[in-house]
Amino acid sequence: MKSVLKILVLLPAILFVVTGLRWLVTPAPMAAEFGFPLATGVGLSSQVGDSSAFFLTLGFCMLMALVTSRRTWFYPPMVLLYLTAMGRTLAWAIHDAALAVPMIGVEVIVATLLLVASRFLPEQD
């Protein structure tokens, strides 16, 4: 059970790290993948910096949780993902944005997976 749960956390962690690195190396296709145009100037700096930091933080915290077996490493990516899902939902409800159900679904599922993993995987607090 624990080994399956570890693999289920490891896979999105790797995906998030790769996504963060792709933002650093090839931002144009990444912006298109996320549904917005690639900015220029300071906007491009913000897109690349913020997006890469977001995904690298998710991935690295998840990897640290697995490597150290410390519960506290599960919480930052869990909070980031739940807040992102909430922000997307509020953007739809308040600002007439498209409801990004597939993205929200992934965020909620991975965050919930982290919540479960934080309960069962840590060997120390």
C-alpha atoms as a PDB file:
ATOM      1  CA  MET A   1       0.000   0.000   0.000  1.00  0.00           C
ATOM      2  CA  LYS A   2       2.713   2.474   0.976  1.00  0.00           C
ATOM      3  CA  SER A   3       4.785   1.731  -2.107  1.00  0.00           C
ATOM      4  CA  VAL A   4       1.769   2.329  -4.385  1.00  0.00           C
ATOM      5  CA  LEU A   5       1.047   5.595  -2.592  1.00  0.00           C
ATOM      6  CA  LYS A   6       4.681   6.648  -2.981  1.00  0.00           C
ATOM      7  CA  ILE A   7       4.535   5.987  -6.713  1.00  0.00           C
ATOM      8  CA  LEU A   8       1.262   7.933  -6.961  1.00  0.00           C
ATOM      9  CA  VAL A   9       3.004  10.920  -5.342  1.00  0.00           C
ATOM     10  CA  LEU A  10       6.235  10.473  -7.296  1.00  0.00           C
ATOM     11  CA  LEU A  11       4.610  10.577 -10.740  1.00  0.00           C
ATOM     12  CA  PRO A  12       3.003  14.037 -10.428  1.00  0.00           C
ATOM     13  CA  ALA A  13       6.109  15.292  -8.598  1.00  0.00           C
ATOM     14  CA  ILE A  14       8.225  14.403 -11.628  1.00  0.00           C
ATOM     15  CA  LEU A  15       5.614  15.895 -13.948  1.00  0.00           C
ATOM     16  CA  PHE A  16       5.637  19.164 -11.984  1.00  0.00           C
ATOM     17  CA  VAL A  17       9.448  19.382 -12.032  1.00  0.00           C
ATOM     18  CA  VAL A  18       9.507  18.709 -15.778  1.00  0.00           C
ATOM     19  CA  THR A  19       6.794  21.329 -16.314  1.00  0.00           C
ATOM     20  CA  GLY A  20       8.780  23.873 -14.300  1.00  0.00           C
ATOM     21  CA  LEU A  21      11.931  23.137 -16.291  1.00  0.00           C
ATOM     22  CA  ARG A  22      10.002  23.382 -19.549  1.00  0.00           C
ATOM     23  CA  TRP A  23       8.809  26.868 -18.486  1.00  0.00           C
ATOM     24  CA  LEU A  24      12.455  27.853 -18.080  1.00  0.00           C
ATOM     25  CA  VAL A  25      13.624  26.350 -21.377  1.00  0.00           C
ATOM     26  CA  THR A  26      10.672  26.634 -23.793  1.00  0.00           C
ATOM     27  CA  PRO A  27       8.106  29.109 -22.464  1.00  0.00           C
ATOM     28  CA  ALA A  28       6.192  29.643 -25.746  1.00  0.00           C
ATOM     29  CA  PRO A  29       4.723  26.124 -25.998  1.00  0.00           C
ATOM     30  CA  MET A  30       4.092  26.099 -22.259  1.00  0.00           C
ATOM     31  CA  ALA A  31       2.086  29.327 -22.429  1.00  0.00           C
ATOM     32  CA  ALA A  32       0.030  27.869 -25.276  1.00  0.00           C
ATOM     33  CA  GLU A  33      -0.493  24.667 -23.310  1.00  0.00           C
ATOM     34  CA  PHE A  34      -1.921  26.708 -20.433  1.00  0.00           C
ATOM     35  CA  GLY A  35      -4.115  28.780 -22.695  1.00  0.00           C
ATOM     36  CA  PHE A  36      -2.473  32.179 -22.696  1.00  0.00           C
ATOM     37  CA  PRO A  37      -0.248  34.100 -25.075  1.00  0.00           C
ATOM     38  CA  LEU A  38       3.423  34.468 -24.355  1.00  0.00           C
ATOM     39  CA  ALA A  39       4.035  37.940 -22.985  1.00  0.00           C
ATOM     40  CA  THR A  40       7.002  40.196 -23.701  1.00  0.00           C
ATOM     41  CA  GLY A  41       9.272  42.321 -21.528  1.00  0.00           C
ATOM     42  CA  VAL A  42       8.499  42.260 -17.812  1.00  0.00           C
ATOM     43  CA  GLY A  43       5.366  40.219 -18.498  1.00  0.00           C
ATOM     44  CA  LEU A  44       7.502  37.451 -19.997  1.00  0.00           C
ATOM     45  CA  SER A  45       9.799  37.631 -16.994  1.00  0.00           C
ATOM     46  CA  SER A  46       6.787  37.228 -14.697  1.00  0.00           C
ATOM     47  CA  GLN A  47       5.320  34.378 -16.746  1.00  0.00           C
ATOM     48  CA  VAL A  48       8.543  32.395 -16.829  1.00  0.00           C
ATOM     49  CA  GLY A  49       9.638  33.213 -13.285  1.00  0.00           C
ATOM     50  CA  ASP A  50       6.291  32.712 -11.580  1.00  0.00           C
ATOM     51  CA  SER A  51       5.213  29.668 -13.567  1.00  0.00           C
ATOM     52  CA  SER A  52       8.531  27.852 -13.284  1.00  0.00           C
ATOM     53  CA  ALA A  53       8.742  28.623  -9.553  1.00  0.00           C
ATOM     54  CA  PHE A  54       5.186  27.381  -8.993  1.00  0.00           C
ATOM     55  CA  PHE A  55       5.761  24.022 -10.670  1.00  0.00           C
ATOM     56  CA  LEU A  56       9.289  23.508  -9.355  1.00  0.00           C
ATOM     57  CA  THR A  57       8.101  24.232  -5.808  1.00  0.00           C
ATOM     58  CA  LEU A  58       5.278  21.718  -6.188  1.00  0.00           C
ATOM     59  CA  GLY A  59       7.610  19.038  -7.487  1.00  0.00           C
ATOM     60  CA  PHE A  60      10.510  19.659  -5.133  1.00  0.00           C
ATOM     61  CA  CYS A  61       8.291  19.739  -2.028  1.00  0.00           C
ATOM     62  CA  MET A  62       6.656  16.479  -3.061  1.00  0.00           C
ATOM     63  CA  LEU A  63      10.062  14.895  -3.655  1.00  0.00           C
ATOM     64  CA  MET A  64      11.312  16.178  -0.291  1.00  0.00           C
ATOM     65  CA  ALA A  65       8.246  14.646   1.362  1.00  0.00           C
ATOM     66  CA  LEU A  66       9.085  11.287  -0.180  1.00  0.00           C
ATOM     67  CA  VAL A  67      12.818  11.463   0.537  1.00  0.00           C
ATOM     68  CA  THR A  68      12.633  12.741   4.127  1.00  0.00           C
ATOM     69  CA  SER A  69       9.363  11.054   5.182  1.00  0.00           C
ATOM     70  CA  ARG A  70       8.412  14.293   6.919  1.00  0.00           C
ATOM     71  CA  ARG A  71       4.733  15.225   6.940  1.00  0.00           C
ATOM     72  CA  THR A  72       5.370  18.969   6.717  1.00  0.00           C
ATOM     73  CA  TRP A  73       6.721  18.692   3.142  1.00  0.00           C
ATOM     74  CA  PHE A  74       3.314  17.504   1.901  1.00  0.00           C
ATOM     75  CA  TYR A  75       1.535  20.671   3.020  1.00  0.00           C
ATOM     76  CA  PRO A  76       2.999  23.406   0.748  1.00  0.00           C
ATOM     77  CA  PRO A  77       2.146  21.638  -2.536  1.00  0.00           C
ATOM     78  CA  MET A  78      -1.235  20.598  -1.141  1.00  0.00           C
ATOM     79  CA  VAL A  79      -2.100  24.192  -0.253  1.00  0.00           C
ATOM     80  CA  LEU A  80      -0.796  25.531  -3.584  1.00  0.00           C
ATOM     81  CA  LEU A  81      -2.929  23.059  -5.528  1.00  0.00           C
ATOM     82  CA  TYR A  82      -6.117  23.603  -3.511  1.00  0.00           C
ATOM     83  CA  LEU A  83      -5.689  27.390  -3.760  1.00  0.00           C
ATOM     84  CA  THR A  84      -5.068  27.167  -7.498  1.00  0.00           C
ATOM     85  CA  ALA A  85      -8.262  25.146  -7.939  1.00  0.00           C
ATOM     86  CA  MET A  86     -10.140  27.662  -5.813  1.00  0.00           C
ATOM     87  CA  GLY A  87      -8.691  30.579  -7.799  1.00  0.00           C
ATOM     88  CA  ARG A  88      -9.708  28.974 -11.092  1.00  0.00           C
ATOM     89  CA  THR A  89     -13.216  28.399  -9.755  1.00  0.00           C
ATOM     90  CA  LEU A  90     -13.497  31.981  -8.524  1.00  0.00           C
ATOM     91  CA  ALA A  91     -12.190  33.277 -11.867  1.00  0.00           C
ATOM     92  CA  TRP A  92     -15.058  31.391 -13.520  1.00  0.00           C
ATOM     93  CA  ALA A  93     -17.682  32.512 -10.975  1.00  0.00           C
ATOM     94  CA  ILE A  94     -16.636  36.152 -10.670  1.00  0.00           C
ATOM     95  CA  HIS A  95     -14.670  37.115 -13.777  1.00  0.00           C
ATOM     96  CA  ASP A  96     -16.429  35.153 -16.517  1.00  0.00           C
ATOM     97  CA  ALA A  97     -13.388  32.941 -17.180  1.00  0.00           C
ATOM     98  CA  ALA A  98     -13.857  29.532 -18.740  1.00  0.00           C
ATOM     99  CA  LEU A  99     -14.433  26.808 -16.170  1.00  0.00           C
ATOM    100  CA  ALA A 100     -11.227  24.744 -16.475  1.00  0.00           C
ATOM    101  CA  VAL A 101     -12.700  21.482 -15.187  1.00  0.00           C
ATOM    102  CA  PRO A 102      -9.826  19.216 -16.336  1.00  0.00           C
ATOM    103  CA  MET A 103      -7.197  21.444 -14.699  1.00  0.00           C
ATOM    104  CA  ILE A 104      -9.257  21.881 -11.522  1.00  0.00           C
ATOM    105  CA  GLY A 105      -9.840  18.136 -11.407  1.00  0.00           C
ATOM    106  CA  VAL A 106      -6.125  17.344 -11.589  1.00  0.00           C
ATOM    107  CA  GLU A 107      -5.341  19.943  -8.921  1.00  0.00           C
ATOM    108  CA  VAL A 108      -7.984  18.638  -6.522  1.00  0.00           C
ATOM    109  CA  ILE A 109      -7.069  14.993  -7.121  1.00  0.00           C
ATOM    110  CA  VAL A 110      -3.331  15.542  -6.598  1.00  0.00           C
ATOM    111  CA  ALA A 111      -3.934  17.757  -3.541  1.00  0.00           C
ATOM    112  CA  THR A 112      -6.220  15.111  -2.053  1.00  0.00           C
ATOM    113  CA  LEU A 113      -3.622  12.453  -2.838  1.00  0.00           C
ATOM    114  CA  LEU A 114      -1.100  14.558  -0.906  1.00  0.00           C
ATOM    115  CA  LEU A 115      -3.539  14.841   2.006  1.00  0.00           C
ATOM    116  CA  VAL A 116      -3.882  11.051   2.115  1.00  0.00           C
ATOM    117  CA  ALA A 117      -0.129  10.580   1.683  1.00  0.00           C
ATOM    118  CA  SER A 118       0.566  13.017   4.526  1.00  0.00           C
ATOM    119  CA  ARG A 119      -1.475  10.755   6.771  1.00  0.00           C
ATOM    120  CA  PHE A 120      -0.007   7.390   5.776  1.00  0.00           C
ATOM    121  CA  LEU A 121       3.544   7.872   4.434  1.00  0.00           C
ATOM    122  CA  PRO A 122       5.511   9.910   6.987  1.00  0.00           C
ATOM    123  CA  GLU A 123       7.689   7.953   9.348  1.00  0.00           C
ATOM    124  CA  GLN A 124       8.505  11.056  11.377  1.00  0.00           C
ATOM    125  CA  ASP A 125       6.967  14.484  12.027  1.00  0.00           C
END
